[in-house]
Amino acid sequence: ALEDVVERCPEDGPAHLELARVLAESGDAERGMAETRRVIAAHPDLAAAGHYQLGLMLTDVGQFDEALVAMGTAVEKWTSLSVKKIINDHCG
């Protein structure tokens, strides 16, 4: 199971993010959101995806103001990543 993979590989951010999604989709939104927040804190490289996923989860539970903040943060993180990639590709 996915929880076994996460337990064996605690540093695997994408596995934790997938576990969070599965938890939320199976009806355990609170655990899913908590896991997503842990991924955001522990894996800055996954912050954009994490904030996006959190925004979807918050929308699903009706926390629309918080969802809007999470989605806005996701856009900011993705924009920052895109600018860094363009600079590296063209000036690096």
N, C-alpha and C. Protein backbone atom coordinates (compact mmCIF):
# COMPACT_ATOMS: atom_id res chain seq x y z
N ALA A 1 0.85 -1.19 0.00
CA ALA A 1 0.00 0.00 0.00
C ALA A 1 0.89 1.25 0.00
N LEU A 2 0.29 2.33 -0.39
CA LEU A 2 1.01 3.59 -0.47
C LEU A 2 1.56 4.01 0.89
N GLU A 3 0.84 3.75 1.95
CA GLU A 3 1.32 4.10 3.29
C GLU A 3 2.61 3.35 3.62
N ASP A 4 2.74 2.12 3.13
CA ASP A 4 3.97 1.36 3.35
C ASP A 4 5.16 2.00 2.63
N VAL A 5 4.93 2.47 1.41
CA VAL A 5 5.98 3.14 0.65
C VAL A 5 6.43 4.40 1.38
N VAL A 6 5.48 5.17 1.85
CA VAL A 6 5.80 6.41 2.57
C VAL A 6 6.55 6.11 3.85
N GLU A 7 6.16 5.04 4.52
CA GLU A 7 6.85 4.66 5.76
C GLU A 7 8.30 4.24 5.48
N ARG A 8 8.51 3.48 4.40
CA ARG A 8 9.86 3.03 4.05
C ARG A 8 10.72 4.15 3.47
N CYS A 9 10.09 5.13 2.85
CA CYS A 9 10.82 6.22 2.19
C CYS A 9 10.26 7.56 2.66
N PRO A 10 10.52 7.91 3.92
CA PRO A 10 9.92 9.14 4.45
C PRO A 10 10.35 10.42 3.74
N GLU A 11 11.48 10.36 3.02
CA GLU A 11 11.96 11.55 2.32
C GLU A 11 11.36 11.70 0.93
N ASP A 12 10.52 10.75 0.51
CA ASP A 12 9.92 10.75 -0.83
C ASP A 12 8.71 11.69 -0.86
N GLY A 13 8.96 12.95 -1.18
CA GLY A 13 7.91 13.95 -1.20
C GLY A 13 6.76 13.62 -2.13
N PRO A 14 7.03 13.20 -3.38
CA PRO A 14 5.92 12.87 -4.28
C PRO A 14 5.03 11.73 -3.74
N ALA A 15 5.62 10.75 -3.07
CA ALA A 15 4.81 9.67 -2.49
C ALA A 15 3.92 10.21 -1.38
N HIS A 16 4.44 11.12 -0.57
CA HIS A 16 3.63 11.73 0.48
C HIS A 16 2.49 12.55 -0.11
N LEU A 17 2.78 13.28 -1.19
CA LEU A 17 1.75 14.08 -1.85
C LEU A 17 0.66 13.18 -2.42
N GLU A 18 1.04 12.06 -3.00
CA GLU A 18 0.07 11.11 -3.52
C GLU A 18 -0.74 10.49 -2.39
N LEU A 19 -0.09 10.15 -1.28
CA LEU A 19 -0.81 9.62 -0.12
C LEU A 19 -1.84 10.63 0.35
N ALA A 20 -1.47 11.89 0.41
CA ALA A 20 -2.40 12.93 0.84
C ALA A 20 -3.62 12.98 -0.08
N ARG A 21 -3.39 12.89 -1.38
CA ARG A 21 -4.49 12.91 -2.35
C ARG A 21 -5.41 11.72 -2.14
N VAL A 22 -4.82 10.54 -1.97
CA VAL A 22 -5.61 9.33 -1.79
C VAL A 22 -6.42 9.41 -0.49
N LEU A 23 -5.81 9.91 0.57
CA LEU A 23 -6.54 10.06 1.83
C LEU A 23 -7.75 10.97 1.65
N ALA A 24 -7.54 12.11 1.01
CA ALA A 24 -8.64 13.06 0.82
C ALA A 24 -9.74 12.47 -0.05
N GLU A 25 -9.34 11.81 -1.13
CA GLU A 25 -10.33 11.24 -2.04
C GLU A 25 -11.10 10.07 -1.42
N SER A 26 -10.50 9.42 -0.42
CA SER A 26 -11.19 8.31 0.23
C SER A 26 -12.03 8.76 1.42
N GLY A 27 -12.15 10.07 1.60
CA GLY A 27 -13.02 10.60 2.63
C GLY A 27 -12.35 11.11 3.89
N ASP A 28 -11.02 11.03 3.94
CA ASP A 28 -10.30 11.52 5.12
C ASP A 28 -9.61 12.84 4.78
N ALA A 29 -10.42 13.86 4.56
CA ALA A 29 -9.92 15.16 4.13
C ALA A 29 -8.95 15.76 5.15
N GLU A 30 -9.24 15.61 6.43
CA GLU A 30 -8.38 16.21 7.45
C GLU A 30 -6.97 15.62 7.39
N ARG A 31 -6.87 14.30 7.31
CA ARG A 31 -5.54 13.67 7.21
C ARG A 31 -4.88 14.04 5.89
N GLY A 32 -5.66 14.09 4.82
CA GLY A 32 -5.10 14.47 3.53
C GLY A 32 -4.53 15.88 3.54
N MET A 33 -5.27 16.80 4.15
CA MET A 33 -4.78 18.18 4.22
C MET A 33 -3.56 18.28 5.13
N ALA A 34 -3.58 17.56 6.24
CA ALA A 34 -2.43 17.58 7.16
C ALA A 34 -1.18 17.03 6.46
N GLU A 35 -1.34 15.95 5.71
CA GLU A 35 -0.21 15.36 4.98
C GLU A 35 0.30 16.33 3.91
N THR A 36 -0.61 16.98 3.23
CA THR A 36 -0.22 17.95 2.20
C THR A 36 0.56 19.10 2.82
N ARG A 37 0.11 19.58 3.96
CA ARG A 37 0.83 20.67 4.64
C ARG A 37 2.23 20.22 5.06
N ARG A 38 2.36 18.97 5.48
CA ARG A 38 3.70 18.46 5.83
C ARG A 38 4.61 18.43 4.59
N VAL A 39 4.06 18.03 3.47
CA VAL A 39 4.84 18.01 2.23
C VAL A 39 5.29 19.42 1.87
N ILE A 40 4.40 20.38 1.95
CA ILE A 40 4.74 21.78 1.64
C ILE A 40 5.88 22.26 2.52
N ALA A 41 5.82 21.94 3.81
CA ALA A 41 6.84 22.38 4.76
C ALA A 41 8.18 21.68 4.54
N ALA A 42 8.13 20.39 4.22
CA ALA A 42 9.36 19.60 4.15
C ALA A 42 10.01 19.58 2.77
N HIS A 43 9.25 19.90 1.74
CA HIS A 43 9.76 19.79 0.36
C HIS A 43 9.45 21.06 -0.43
N PRO A 44 10.28 22.09 -0.28
CA PRO A 44 10.02 23.34 -0.99
C PRO A 44 9.88 23.17 -2.50
N ASP A 45 10.54 22.15 -3.06
CA ASP A 45 10.44 21.92 -4.50
C ASP A 45 9.05 21.45 -4.91
N LEU A 46 8.24 21.01 -3.95
CA LEU A 46 6.88 20.56 -4.24
C LEU A 46 5.83 21.55 -3.72
N ALA A 47 6.28 22.73 -3.31
CA ALA A 47 5.35 23.69 -2.71
C ALA A 47 4.24 24.11 -3.67
N ALA A 48 4.56 24.33 -4.93
CA ALA A 48 3.53 24.74 -5.89
C ALA A 48 2.46 23.66 -6.02
N ALA A 49 2.89 22.43 -6.26
CA ALA A 49 1.95 21.33 -6.39
C ALA A 49 1.19 21.09 -5.08
N GLY A 50 1.89 21.23 -3.97
CA GLY A 50 1.25 21.04 -2.67
C GLY A 50 0.18 22.07 -2.40
N HIS A 51 0.47 23.33 -2.68
CA HIS A 51 -0.53 24.37 -2.46
C HIS A 51 -1.73 24.18 -3.39
N TYR A 52 -1.47 23.77 -4.63
CA TYR A 52 -2.57 23.50 -5.56
C TYR A 52 -3.45 22.37 -5.02
N GLN A 53 -2.82 21.28 -4.61
CA GLN A 53 -3.57 20.14 -4.07
C GLN A 53 -4.35 20.55 -2.83
N LEU A 54 -3.72 21.33 -1.96
CA LEU A 54 -4.39 21.80 -0.76
C LEU A 54 -5.61 22.65 -1.12
N GLY A 55 -5.44 23.50 -2.13
CA GLY A 55 -6.57 24.33 -2.58
C GLY A 55 -7.74 23.49 -3.04
N LEU A 56 -7.46 22.42 -3.77
CA LEU A 56 -8.54 21.53 -4.21
C LEU A 56 -9.22 20.87 -3.01
N MET A 57 -8.42 20.42 -2.06
CA MET A 57 -8.98 19.77 -0.87
C MET A 57 -9.83 20.73 -0.06
N LEU A 58 -9.34 21.95 0.11
CA LEU A 58 -10.10 22.95 0.86
C LEU A 58 -11.41 23.29 0.16
N THR A 59 -11.38 23.33 -1.17
CA THR A 59 -12.61 23.57 -1.93
C THR A 59 -13.60 22.44 -1.68
N ASP A 60 -13.11 21.22 -1.68
CA ASP A 60 -13.99 20.07 -1.47
C ASP A 60 -14.70 20.09 -0.13
N VAL A 61 -14.06 20.69 0.88
CA VAL A 61 -14.69 20.73 2.21
C VAL A 61 -15.35 22.08 2.49
N GLY A 62 -15.44 22.92 1.45
CA GLY A 62 -16.17 24.17 1.58
C GLY A 62 -15.42 25.32 2.22
N GLN A 63 -14.12 25.20 2.36
CA GLN A 63 -13.31 26.28 2.95
C GLN A 63 -12.77 27.14 1.80
N PHE A 64 -13.65 27.91 1.20
CA PHE A 64 -13.34 28.61 -0.04
C PHE A 64 -12.32 29.73 0.12
N ASP A 65 -12.38 30.48 1.22
CA ASP A 65 -11.41 31.55 1.41
C ASP A 65 -9.99 30.98 1.53
N GLU A 66 -9.86 29.93 2.32
CA GLU A 66 -8.55 29.29 2.48
C GLU A 66 -8.09 28.66 1.16
N ALA A 67 -9.04 28.10 0.41
CA ALA A 67 -8.71 27.50 -0.89
C ALA A 67 -8.17 28.55 -1.85
N LEU A 68 -8.78 29.72 -1.84
CA LEU A 68 -8.33 30.80 -2.71
C LEU A 68 -6.90 31.22 -2.37
N VAL A 69 -6.59 31.29 -1.09
CA VAL A 69 -5.23 31.63 -0.66
C VAL A 69 -4.25 30.55 -1.12
N ALA A 70 -4.61 29.30 -0.93
CA ALA A 70 -3.72 28.20 -1.34
C ALA A 70 -3.50 28.22 -2.84
N MET A 71 -4.55 28.42 -3.62
CA MET A 71 -4.40 28.47 -5.07
C MET A 71 -3.55 29.66 -5.51
N GLY A 72 -3.74 30.80 -4.85
CA GLY A 72 -2.91 31.97 -5.16
C GLY A 72 -1.45 31.70 -4.88
N THR A 73 -1.17 31.02 -3.78
CA THR A 73 0.21 30.67 -3.45
C THR A 73 0.77 29.71 -4.49
N ALA A 74 -0.04 28.76 -4.94
CA ALA A 74 0.41 27.82 -5.98
C ALA A 74 0.81 28.57 -7.24
N VAL A 75 0.00 29.53 -7.65
CA VAL A 75 0.31 30.31 -8.85
C VAL A 75 1.61 31.09 -8.66
N GLU A 76 1.79 31.70 -7.49
CA GLU A 76 3.02 32.43 -7.22
C GLU A 76 4.24 31.51 -7.29
N LYS A 77 4.12 30.33 -6.70
CA LYS A 77 5.25 29.38 -6.70
C LYS A 77 5.56 28.91 -8.12
N TRP A 78 4.52 28.58 -8.90
CA TRP A 78 4.73 28.13 -10.27
C TRP A 78 5.35 29.24 -11.12
N THR A 79 4.88 30.47 -10.92
CA THR A 79 5.44 31.60 -11.67
C THR A 79 6.91 31.76 -11.34
N SER A 80 7.25 31.67 -10.07
CA SER A 80 8.64 31.78 -9.65
C SER A 80 9.50 30.68 -10.27
N LEU A 81 8.98 29.45 -10.27
CA LEU A 81 9.72 28.34 -10.88
C LEU A 81 9.90 28.56 -12.37
N SER A 82 8.88 29.07 -13.04
CA SER A 82 8.95 29.31 -14.49
C SER A 82 9.98 30.36 -14.82
N VAL A 83 10.01 31.44 -14.05
CA VAL A 83 10.97 32.51 -14.28
C VAL A 83 12.39 31.98 -14.07
N LYS A 84 12.61 31.22 -13.01
CA LYS A 84 13.94 30.66 -12.75
C LYS A 84 14.38 29.74 -13.89
N LYS A 85 13.46 28.94 -14.42
CA LYS A 85 13.79 28.05 -15.52
C LYS A 85 14.15 28.83 -16.77
N ILE A 86 13.40 29.87 -17.07
CA ILE A 86 13.70 30.70 -18.24
C ILE A 86 15.07 31.34 -18.11
N ILE A 87 15.37 31.86 -16.94
CA ILE A 87 16.67 32.50 -16.72
C ILE A 87 17.79 31.46 -16.86
N ASN A 88 17.60 30.31 -16.25
CA ASN A 88 18.64 29.26 -16.35
C ASN A 88 18.82 28.78 -17.79
N ASP A 89 17.71 28.62 -18.52
CA ASP A 89 17.78 28.14 -19.89
C ASP A 89 18.47 29.13 -20.82
N HIS A 90 18.26 30.41 -20.57
CA HIS A 90 18.75 31.41 -21.50
C HIS A 90 20.01 32.15 -21.04
N CYS A 91 20.24 32.11 -19.75
CA CYS A 91 21.39 32.86 -19.23
C CYS A 91 22.37 31.97 -18.48
N GLY A 92 22.02 30.74 -18.29
CA GLY A 92 22.79 29.86 -17.43
C GLY A 92 23.96 29.28 -18.10
